[in-house]
Every structure is written in C-alpha cells, then in structure tokens.
Amino acid sequence: MHSGADNLDDLDDRTRDVAGLITHLTTAAAFAARTVRRGRDPESDITRRTVAQLTRTAGALGHALADLSEAVAHAGALHQLGSLPRSAQRTTAIESERSQLHARIDSTRRRLNQAGGRLHQQADRLAAAPTPSRSPSTTSTIPVTPPSPAISRNR
C-alpha cells in the first residue's frame, strides 16, 4: 500500500475485477439455467448443480465486494487525513485507518481464495461425475469466455 490515491486506484481496479466476475458468473448461470431441460436426465442434473455452484460463488464474491467497499471508505479517510497538519492525533488516526484498510483487504483476499477453492472443488466433483453420452453439439452448456480484467487508470 502506498499513498491514499494509489490505494483508491488499486481498489477501483479490484472492485471492477470482482464486479466483473459476479457479472460473468451470473451470465453463465442464467445461460445454463435457460438451456437445462425439465427432465431428470444426467446432463440436466449436472447443469443444475453447475448453476447452483455458480450462484453460491457469486454470493461469496458479493461478500468480498462488500469488504472492498469498506476498504474504499478507509482509503478515502487516509486520503483526507494525509492533508491535515501533522499531530499525534493525526498519526494515531492514520495508523488506525491503515490497519482497518489492511484488515478489509486481507478479508477480501481470504473470501476470494475460499470462494475459488470451493468452486475448484465443485468443478472437480462435476468433472468426476459420470457423464452421459453426448452428441458433439451438446458438449457445452455454459459459455467459457473469461471476464476481461479492469484497465488501470495509473498504468
């Protein structure tokens, strides 16, 4: 972490990244949900489980986004505190805000790692599930286009 402005630029980029992931997962889940048949065939069951896991992951990403929002508030406070005259109170306030900023960023990182790990485990379970015989035209029901990374303003 550098100055308050750098923190805000970095947080802007990370917030866009997480919001983009939520959008991507929601789009993929909606697409899969539209394509699933009402039947109870194995392919429909796999698609339903995939949709459920994608939506659970989006929830975890939402919590990470909330942590990032709190981090933005702390970075903004640091930016304001940096313009105040030097004093013992200012130093204490800066240390407190910086500590809270780092705690929110660490919480975000932990939530994202946990969500990624759960998604990876579920993907492994789905991949290990017996696959029904499929025709070549039905091998994929979920679009695989990855989200594009945020473009940094300071690069």
N, C-alpha and C. Protein backbone atom coordinates (compact mmCIF):
# COMPACT_ATOMS: atom_id res chain seq x y z
N MET A 1 0.83 -1.19 0.00
CA MET A 1 0.00 0.00 0.00
C MET A 1 0.87 1.25 0.00
N HIS A 2 0.52 2.14 -0.86
CA HIS A 2 1.29 3.38 -0.97
C HIS A 2 0.43 4.53 -0.47
N SER A 3 0.38 5.60 -1.21
CA SER A 3 -0.41 6.76 -0.79
C SER A 3 -1.90 6.47 -0.91
N GLY A 4 -2.71 7.34 -0.34
CA GLY A 4 -4.17 7.17 -0.41
C GLY A 4 -4.68 7.12 -1.83
N ALA A 5 -4.15 7.96 -2.72
CA ALA A 5 -4.61 7.98 -4.11
C ALA A 5 -4.28 6.67 -4.81
N ASP A 6 -3.08 6.13 -4.55
CA ASP A 6 -2.72 4.83 -5.12
C ASP A 6 -3.66 3.75 -4.62
N ASN A 7 -3.98 3.79 -3.31
CA ASN A 7 -4.92 2.82 -2.75
C ASN A 7 -6.26 2.90 -3.46
N LEU A 8 -6.73 4.10 -3.68
CA LEU A 8 -8.03 4.26 -4.33
C LEU A 8 -8.00 3.76 -5.77
N ASP A 9 -6.90 4.01 -6.50
CA ASP A 9 -6.78 3.49 -7.86
C ASP A 9 -6.75 1.97 -7.86
N ASP A 10 -5.96 1.39 -6.96
CA ASP A 10 -5.88 -0.07 -6.88
C ASP A 10 -7.22 -0.67 -6.48
N LEU A 11 -7.89 -0.06 -5.51
CA LEU A 11 -9.20 -0.55 -5.09
C LEU A 11 -10.22 -0.43 -6.21
N ASP A 12 -10.13 0.64 -6.98
CA ASP A 12 -11.01 0.80 -8.14
C ASP A 12 -10.83 -0.37 -9.10
N ASP A 13 -9.58 -0.71 -9.39
CA ASP A 13 -9.30 -1.84 -10.29
C ASP A 13 -9.83 -3.14 -9.72
N ARG A 14 -9.57 -3.42 -8.46
CA ARG A 14 -10.00 -4.68 -7.85
C ARG A 14 -11.53 -4.76 -7.75
N THR A 15 -12.17 -3.64 -7.46
CA THR A 15 -13.63 -3.62 -7.39
C THR A 15 -14.22 -3.95 -8.75
N ARG A 16 -13.67 -3.38 -9.80
CA ARG A 16 -14.13 -3.68 -11.16
C ARG A 16 -13.91 -5.16 -11.50
N ASP A 17 -12.76 -5.70 -11.07
CA ASP A 17 -12.48 -7.12 -11.33
C ASP A 17 -13.53 -8.02 -10.67
N VAL A 18 -13.81 -7.78 -9.39
CA VAL A 18 -14.76 -8.62 -8.66
C VAL A 18 -16.17 -8.43 -9.21
N ALA A 19 -16.54 -7.19 -9.49
CA ALA A 19 -17.87 -6.95 -10.07
C ALA A 19 -17.99 -7.64 -11.43
N GLY A 20 -16.91 -7.62 -12.21
CA GLY A 20 -16.92 -8.31 -13.49
C GLY A 20 -17.07 -9.82 -13.33
N LEU A 21 -16.43 -10.38 -12.31
CA LEU A 21 -16.59 -11.81 -12.04
C LEU A 21 -18.03 -12.15 -11.67
N ILE A 22 -18.63 -11.30 -10.84
CA ILE A 22 -20.03 -11.53 -10.46
C ILE A 22 -20.92 -11.50 -11.71
N THR A 23 -20.70 -10.52 -12.55
CA THR A 23 -21.47 -10.42 -13.79
C THR A 23 -21.26 -11.65 -14.67
N HIS A 24 -20.01 -12.08 -14.81
CA HIS A 24 -19.70 -13.24 -15.64
C HIS A 24 -20.38 -14.50 -15.08
N LEU A 25 -20.27 -14.73 -13.78
CA LEU A 25 -20.89 -15.91 -13.18
C LEU A 25 -22.41 -15.87 -13.29
N THR A 26 -22.99 -14.70 -13.10
CA THR A 26 -24.44 -14.57 -13.22
C THR A 26 -24.89 -14.85 -14.65
N THR A 27 -24.16 -14.33 -15.61
CA THR A 27 -24.48 -14.57 -17.02
C THR A 27 -24.36 -16.05 -17.36
N ALA A 28 -23.28 -16.68 -16.90
CA ALA A 28 -23.08 -18.11 -17.18
C ALA A 28 -24.18 -18.95 -16.52
N ALA A 29 -24.54 -18.61 -15.27
CA ALA A 29 -25.59 -19.35 -14.58
C ALA A 29 -26.93 -19.17 -15.28
N ALA A 30 -27.24 -17.94 -15.69
CA ALA A 30 -28.51 -17.68 -16.38
C ALA A 30 -28.57 -18.43 -17.71
N PHE A 31 -27.46 -18.43 -18.44
CA PHE A 31 -27.42 -19.15 -19.71
C PHE A 31 -27.64 -20.64 -19.49
N ALA A 32 -26.95 -21.20 -18.50
CA ALA A 32 -27.09 -22.63 -18.22
C ALA A 32 -28.51 -22.96 -17.76
N ALA A 33 -29.08 -22.09 -16.94
CA ALA A 33 -30.44 -22.34 -16.44
C ALA A 33 -31.45 -22.32 -17.59
N ARG A 34 -31.24 -21.46 -18.58
CA ARG A 34 -32.15 -21.41 -19.73
C ARG A 34 -32.05 -22.65 -20.60
N THR A 35 -30.87 -23.27 -20.63
CA THR A 35 -30.66 -24.40 -21.53
C THR A 35 -31.03 -25.75 -20.91
N VAL A 36 -31.19 -25.78 -19.59
CA VAL A 36 -31.46 -27.06 -18.94
C VAL A 36 -32.88 -27.53 -19.26
N ARG A 37 -33.01 -28.80 -19.45
CA ARG A 37 -34.33 -29.37 -19.71
C ARG A 37 -35.03 -29.63 -18.39
N ARG A 38 -36.33 -29.71 -18.42
CA ARG A 38 -37.09 -30.00 -17.20
C ARG A 38 -36.94 -31.46 -16.76
N GLY A 39 -36.41 -32.27 -17.62
CA GLY A 39 -36.29 -33.69 -17.33
C GLY A 39 -35.27 -33.97 -16.23
N ARG A 40 -35.18 -35.21 -15.86
CA ARG A 40 -34.26 -35.63 -14.81
C ARG A 40 -33.09 -36.41 -15.40
N ASP A 41 -32.74 -36.15 -16.65
CA ASP A 41 -31.63 -36.86 -17.26
C ASP A 41 -30.32 -36.39 -16.62
N PRO A 42 -29.25 -37.20 -16.71
CA PRO A 42 -27.98 -36.86 -16.05
C PRO A 42 -27.40 -35.51 -16.48
N GLU A 43 -27.53 -35.17 -17.75
CA GLU A 43 -26.98 -33.89 -18.21
C GLU A 43 -27.70 -32.71 -17.55
N SER A 44 -29.01 -32.81 -17.41
CA SER A 44 -29.78 -31.74 -16.76
C SER A 44 -29.39 -31.63 -15.29
N ASP A 45 -29.17 -32.77 -14.64
CA ASP A 45 -28.76 -32.73 -13.23
C ASP A 45 -27.40 -32.06 -13.07
N ILE A 46 -26.47 -32.36 -13.96
CA ILE A 46 -25.14 -31.73 -13.90
C ILE A 46 -25.27 -30.23 -14.12
N THR A 47 -26.09 -29.84 -15.07
CA THR A 47 -26.28 -28.41 -15.34
C THR A 47 -26.90 -27.72 -14.14
N ARG A 48 -27.88 -28.35 -13.51
CA ARG A 48 -28.50 -27.76 -12.31
C ARG A 48 -27.47 -27.59 -11.19
N ARG A 49 -26.64 -28.59 -10.99
CA ARG A 49 -25.60 -28.48 -9.95
C ARG A 49 -24.60 -27.39 -10.30
N THR A 50 -24.28 -27.26 -11.59
CA THR A 50 -23.37 -26.21 -12.02
C THR A 50 -23.97 -24.84 -11.75
N VAL A 51 -25.22 -24.65 -12.08
CA VAL A 51 -25.91 -23.37 -11.83
C VAL A 51 -25.91 -23.08 -10.33
N ALA A 52 -26.22 -24.07 -9.52
CA ALA A 52 -26.24 -23.85 -8.06
C ALA A 52 -24.87 -23.43 -7.55
N GLN A 53 -23.82 -24.08 -8.02
CA GLN A 53 -22.48 -23.73 -7.56
C GLN A 53 -22.06 -22.34 -8.03
N LEU A 54 -22.39 -22.01 -9.27
CA LEU A 54 -22.06 -20.67 -9.77
C LEU A 54 -22.74 -19.59 -8.95
N THR A 55 -24.00 -19.80 -8.61
CA THR A 55 -24.72 -18.79 -7.84
C THR A 55 -24.20 -18.71 -6.41
N ARG A 56 -23.78 -19.82 -5.82
CA ARG A 56 -23.17 -19.76 -4.48
C ARG A 56 -21.86 -18.99 -4.52
N THR A 57 -21.09 -19.18 -5.57
CA THR A 57 -19.83 -18.47 -5.71
C THR A 57 -20.08 -16.97 -5.88
N ALA A 58 -21.11 -16.63 -6.63
CA ALA A 58 -21.44 -15.21 -6.80
C ALA A 58 -21.77 -14.57 -5.44
N GLY A 59 -22.43 -15.32 -4.56
CA GLY A 59 -22.72 -14.80 -3.22
C GLY A 59 -21.45 -14.52 -2.44
N ALA A 60 -20.48 -15.44 -2.51
CA ALA A 60 -19.20 -15.23 -1.83
C ALA A 60 -18.46 -14.03 -2.42
N LEU A 61 -18.55 -13.87 -3.73
CA LEU A 61 -17.92 -12.71 -4.37
C LEU A 61 -18.59 -11.42 -3.92
N GLY A 62 -19.90 -11.47 -3.69
CA GLY A 62 -20.61 -10.29 -3.20
C GLY A 62 -20.11 -9.86 -1.83
N HIS A 63 -19.82 -10.84 -0.97
CA HIS A 63 -19.26 -10.52 0.34
C HIS A 63 -17.87 -9.90 0.20
N ALA A 64 -17.08 -10.42 -0.74
CA ALA A 64 -15.75 -9.84 -0.99
C ALA A 64 -15.89 -8.41 -1.51
N LEU A 65 -16.89 -8.17 -2.35
CA LEU A 65 -17.12 -6.83 -2.86
C LEU A 65 -17.51 -5.87 -1.73
N ALA A 66 -18.29 -6.37 -0.78
CA ALA A 66 -18.65 -5.55 0.38
C ALA A 66 -17.40 -5.19 1.19
N ASP A 67 -16.48 -6.14 1.36
CA ASP A 67 -15.22 -5.85 2.05
C ASP A 67 -14.43 -4.79 1.29
N LEU A 68 -14.41 -4.89 -0.03
CA LEU A 68 -13.71 -3.89 -0.83
C LEU A 68 -14.35 -2.51 -0.66
N SER A 69 -15.67 -2.48 -0.55
CA SER A 69 -16.36 -1.20 -0.35
C SER A 69 -15.92 -0.55 0.95
N GLU A 70 -15.79 -1.35 2.00
CA GLU A 70 -15.31 -0.81 3.27
C GLU A 70 -13.86 -0.35 3.15
N ALA A 71 -13.05 -1.09 2.38
CA ALA A 71 -11.67 -0.68 2.16
C ALA A 71 -11.60 0.67 1.46
N VAL A 72 -12.52 0.90 0.52
CA VAL A 72 -12.56 2.19 -0.18
C VAL A 72 -12.81 3.32 0.82
N ALA A 73 -13.71 3.09 1.76
CA ALA A 73 -14.00 4.12 2.77
C ALA A 73 -12.75 4.42 3.60
N HIS A 74 -12.00 3.39 3.97
CA HIS A 74 -10.77 3.60 4.75
C HIS A 74 -9.69 4.30 3.92
N ALA A 75 -9.58 3.95 2.65
CA ALA A 75 -8.61 4.61 1.79
C ALA A 75 -8.97 6.08 1.61
N GLY A 76 -10.26 6.38 1.51
CA GLY A 76 -10.70 7.77 1.42
C GLY A 76 -10.38 8.55 2.68
N ALA A 77 -10.57 7.90 3.83
CA ALA A 77 -10.24 8.55 5.10
C ALA A 77 -8.74 8.82 5.19
N LEU A 78 -7.93 7.86 4.72
CA LEU A 78 -6.48 8.08 4.71
C LEU A 78 -6.11 9.25 3.82
N HIS A 79 -6.77 9.35 2.70
CA HIS A 79 -6.52 10.47 1.78
C HIS A 79 -6.81 11.80 2.48
N GLN A 80 -7.92 11.86 3.21
CA GLN A 80 -8.28 13.08 3.92
C GLN A 80 -7.31 13.36 5.06
N LEU A 81 -6.96 12.34 5.81
CA LEU A 81 -6.05 12.52 6.94
C LEU A 81 -4.68 13.00 6.50
N GLY A 82 -4.26 12.58 5.31
CA GLY A 82 -2.95 12.99 4.79
C GLY A 82 -2.84 14.49 4.56
N SER A 83 -3.95 15.17 4.42
CA SER A 83 -3.92 16.61 4.15
C SER A 83 -3.96 17.44 5.44
N LEU A 84 -4.18 16.79 6.57
CA LEU A 84 -4.24 17.52 7.85
C LEU A 84 -2.84 17.84 8.36
N PRO A 85 -2.74 18.89 9.20
CA PRO A 85 -1.44 19.22 9.80
C PRO A 85 -0.95 18.05 10.66
N ARG A 86 0.35 17.88 10.70
CA ARG A 86 0.94 16.80 11.49
C ARG A 86 0.64 17.00 12.97
N SER A 87 0.23 15.89 13.60
CA SER A 87 -0.02 15.90 15.04
C SER A 87 -0.04 14.46 15.52
N ALA A 88 -0.03 14.29 16.83
CA ALA A 88 -0.10 12.94 17.40
C ALA A 88 -1.44 12.29 17.08
N GLN A 89 -2.53 13.09 17.12
CA GLN A 89 -3.85 12.56 16.80
C GLN A 89 -3.92 12.11 15.34
N ARG A 90 -3.33 12.90 14.46
CA ARG A 90 -3.33 12.55 13.03
C ARG A 90 -2.58 11.24 12.82
N THR A 91 -1.42 11.10 13.45
CA THR A 91 -0.62 9.88 13.31
C THR A 91 -1.39 8.67 13.82
N THR A 92 -2.06 8.82 14.96
CA THR A 92 -2.86 7.72 15.52
C THR A 92 -4.02 7.37 14.59
N ALA A 93 -4.69 8.39 14.06
CA ALA A 93 -5.81 8.16 13.16
C ALA A 93 -5.35 7.48 11.87
N ILE A 94 -4.21 7.89 11.35
CA ILE A 94 -3.68 7.27 10.13
C ILE A 94 -3.34 5.81 10.39
N GLU A 95 -2.70 5.53 11.51
CA GLU A 95 -2.36 4.14 11.84
C GLU A 95 -3.62 3.29 11.98
N SER A 96 -4.65 3.84 12.60
CA SER A 96 -5.90 3.11 12.77
C SER A 96 -6.58 2.84 11.42
N GLU A 97 -6.67 3.87 10.58
CA GLU A 97 -7.30 3.70 9.27
C GLU A 97 -6.50 2.72 8.40
N ARG A 98 -5.18 2.84 8.45
CA ARG A 98 -4.34 1.94 7.66
C ARG A 98 -4.53 0.49 8.12
N SER A 99 -4.61 0.29 9.42
CA SER A 99 -4.83 -1.05 9.96
C SER A 99 -6.18 -1.61 9.50
N GLN A 100 -7.21 -0.77 9.55
CA GLN A 100 -8.54 -1.21 9.12
C GLN A 100 -8.58 -1.46 7.61
N LEU A 101 -7.88 -0.65 6.85
CA LEU A 101 -7.79 -0.85 5.40
C LEU A 101 -7.15 -2.21 5.10
N HIS A 102 -6.04 -2.49 5.75
CA HIS A 102 -5.35 -3.77 5.52
C HIS A 102 -6.23 -4.95 5.96
N ALA A 103 -6.97 -4.78 7.05
CA ALA A 103 -7.86 -5.85 7.52
C ALA A 103 -8.94 -6.14 6.47
N ARG A 104 -9.52 -5.09 5.88
CA ARG A 104 -10.55 -5.29 4.84
C ARG A 104 -9.95 -5.96 3.60
N ILE A 105 -8.76 -5.55 3.21
CA ILE A 105 -8.11 -6.15 2.04
C ILE A 105 -7.78 -7.61 2.32
N ASP A 106 -7.28 -7.90 3.53
CA ASP A 106 -6.99 -9.29 3.89
C ASP A 106 -8.27 -10.12 3.91
N SER A 107 -9.36 -9.55 4.41
CA SER A 107 -10.64 -10.26 4.42
C SER A 107 -11.12 -10.53 3.00
N THR A 108 -10.96 -9.55 2.13
CA THR A 108 -11.33 -9.73 0.72
C THR A 108 -10.52 -10.86 0.10
N ARG A 109 -9.23 -10.83 0.32
CA ARG A 109 -8.35 -11.86 -0.23
C ARG A 109 -8.75 -13.24 0.28
N ARG A 110 -9.03 -13.34 1.58
CA ARG A 110 -9.42 -14.62 2.18
C ARG A 110 -10.74 -15.12 1.57
N ARG A 111 -11.71 -14.23 1.45
CA ARG A 111 -13.00 -14.62 0.87
C ARG A 111 -12.85 -15.08 -0.58
N LEU A 112 -12.05 -14.37 -1.36
CA LEU A 112 -11.85 -14.74 -2.76
C LEU A 112 -11.13 -16.09 -2.87
N ASN A 113 -10.13 -16.31 -2.02
CA ASN A 113 -9.43 -17.59 -2.04
C ASN A 113 -10.35 -18.74 -1.64
N GLN A 114 -11.19 -18.51 -0.62
CA GLN A 114 -12.12 -19.55 -0.20
C GLN A 114 -13.15 -19.84 -1.29
N ALA A 115 -13.69 -18.80 -1.90
CA ALA A 115 -14.67 -18.99 -2.97
C ALA A 115 -14.04 -19.72 -4.15
N GLY A 116 -12.83 -19.34 -4.50
CA GLY A 116 -12.14 -20.02 -5.60
C GLY A 116 -11.88 -21.48 -5.28
N GLY A 117 -11.48 -21.76 -4.04
CA GLY A 117 -11.24 -23.13 -3.64
C GLY A 117 -12.50 -23.98 -3.68
N ARG A 118 -13.62 -23.42 -3.19
CA ARG A 118 -14.88 -24.15 -3.24
C ARG A 118 -15.33 -24.39 -4.68
N LEU A 119 -15.18 -23.38 -5.52
CA LEU A 119 -15.55 -23.54 -6.92
C LEU A 119 -14.69 -24.61 -7.59
N HIS A 120 -13.40 -24.61 -7.27
CA HIS A 120 -12.50 -25.61 -7.83
C HIS A 120 -12.90 -27.02 -7.38
N GLN A 121 -13.22 -27.19 -6.09
CA GLN A 121 -13.65 -28.49 -5.57
C GLN A 121 -14.92 -28.96 -6.27
N GLN A 122 -15.87 -28.06 -6.41
CA GLN A 122 -17.12 -28.44 -7.08
C GLN A 122 -16.88 -28.78 -8.55
N ALA A 123 -15.99 -28.05 -9.20
CA ALA A 123 -15.67 -28.35 -10.60
C ALA A 123 -15.05 -29.75 -10.70
N ASP A 124 -14.18 -30.09 -9.75
CA ASP A 124 -13.59 -31.42 -9.74
C ASP A 124 -14.65 -32.49 -9.54
N ARG A 125 -15.61 -32.23 -8.64
CA ARG A 125 -16.69 -33.19 -8.41
C ARG A 125 -17.56 -33.36 -9.65
N LEU A 126 -17.87 -32.24 -10.30
CA LEU A 126 -18.68 -32.31 -11.52
C LEU A 126 -17.92 -33.04 -12.63
N ALA A 127 -16.62 -32.80 -12.72
CA ALA A 127 -15.83 -33.46 -13.75
C ALA A 127 -15.73 -34.96 -13.48
N ALA A 128 -15.72 -35.35 -12.21
CA ALA A 128 -15.62 -36.76 -11.85
C ALA A 128 -16.95 -37.49 -11.96
N ALA A 129 -18.04 -36.74 -12.03
CA ALA A 129 -19.36 -37.36 -12.13
C ALA A 129 -19.47 -38.10 -13.45
N PRO A 130 -20.19 -39.22 -13.46
CA PRO A 130 -20.35 -39.92 -14.73
C PRO A 130 -21.04 -39.03 -15.75
N THR A 131 -20.46 -38.94 -16.91
CA THR A 131 -21.02 -38.08 -17.95
C THR A 131 -21.92 -38.89 -18.87
N PRO A 132 -23.06 -38.35 -19.20
CA PRO A 132 -23.94 -39.04 -20.13
C PRO A 132 -23.34 -39.01 -21.52
N SER A 133 -23.77 -39.92 -22.35
CA SER A 133 -23.28 -39.88 -23.73
C SER A 133 -23.89 -38.65 -24.39
N ARG A 134 -23.03 -37.88 -25.00
CA ARG A 134 -23.48 -36.61 -25.58
C ARG A 134 -23.16 -36.59 -27.06
N SER A 135 -23.98 -35.87 -27.76
CA SER A 135 -23.66 -35.63 -29.16
C SER A 135 -22.68 -34.47 -29.22
N PRO A 136 -21.90 -34.34 -30.27
CA PRO A 136 -20.90 -33.26 -30.35
C PRO A 136 -21.51 -31.88 -30.19
N SER A 137 -22.77 -31.69 -30.54
CA SER A 137 -23.36 -30.34 -30.48
C SER A 137 -23.80 -29.97 -29.07
N THR A 138 -23.79 -30.89 -28.12
CA THR A 138 -24.25 -30.56 -26.76
C THR A 138 -23.15 -30.74 -25.73
N THR A 139 -21.91 -30.57 -26.11
CA THR A 139 -20.82 -30.80 -25.17
C THR A 139 -20.64 -29.67 -24.18
N SER A 140 -21.17 -28.50 -24.43
CA SER A 140 -21.00 -27.39 -23.51
C SER A 140 -22.30 -26.61 -23.41
N THR A 141 -22.73 -26.39 -22.17
CA THR A 141 -23.94 -25.61 -21.97
C THR A 141 -23.65 -24.26 -21.34
N ILE A 142 -22.40 -24.01 -20.95
CA ILE A 142 -22.06 -22.77 -20.28
C ILE A 142 -20.99 -22.06 -21.09
N PRO A 143 -21.18 -20.78 -21.39
CA PRO A 143 -20.15 -20.05 -22.13
C PRO A 143 -18.87 -19.99 -21.31
N VAL A 144 -17.73 -20.04 -21.96
CA VAL A 144 -16.47 -20.09 -21.24
C VAL A 144 -15.62 -18.84 -21.43
N THR A 145 -16.19 -17.78 -21.91
CA THR A 145 -15.45 -16.54 -22.10
C THR A 145 -15.08 -15.97 -20.75
N PRO A 146 -13.78 -15.82 -20.46
CA PRO A 146 -13.39 -15.28 -19.16
C PRO A 146 -13.66 -13.78 -19.09
N PRO A 147 -13.87 -13.26 -17.87
CA PRO A 147 -14.07 -11.82 -17.75
C PRO A 147 -12.79 -11.08 -18.11
N SER A 148 -12.95 -9.90 -18.67
CA SER A 148 -11.77 -9.12 -19.02
C SER A 148 -11.32 -8.35 -17.79
N PRO A 149 -10.00 -8.26 -17.59
CA PRO A 149 -9.50 -7.54 -16.42
C PRO A 149 -9.75 -6.04 -16.54
N ALA A 150 -9.83 -5.40 -15.41
CA ALA A 150 -10.03 -3.95 -15.40
C ALA A 150 -8.79 -3.26 -15.94
N ILE A 151 -8.99 -2.19 -16.63
CA ILE A 151 -7.89 -1.40 -17.14
C ILE A 151 -7.56 -0.36 -16.10
N SER A 152 -6.32 -0.39 -15.63
CA SER A 152 -5.89 0.52 -14.58
C SER A 152 -5.77 1.94 -15.14
N ARG A 153 -6.16 2.88 -14.32
CA ARG A 153 -6.06 4.29 -14.72
C ARG A 153 -4.66 4.82 -14.58
N ASN A 154 -3.81 4.17 -13.77
CA ASN A 154 -2.50 4.72 -13.49
C ASN A 154 -1.40 3.94 -14.18
N ARG A 155 -1.73 3.19 -15.22
CA ARG A 155 -0.70 2.43 -15.94
C ARG A 155 -0.53 2.96 -17.32
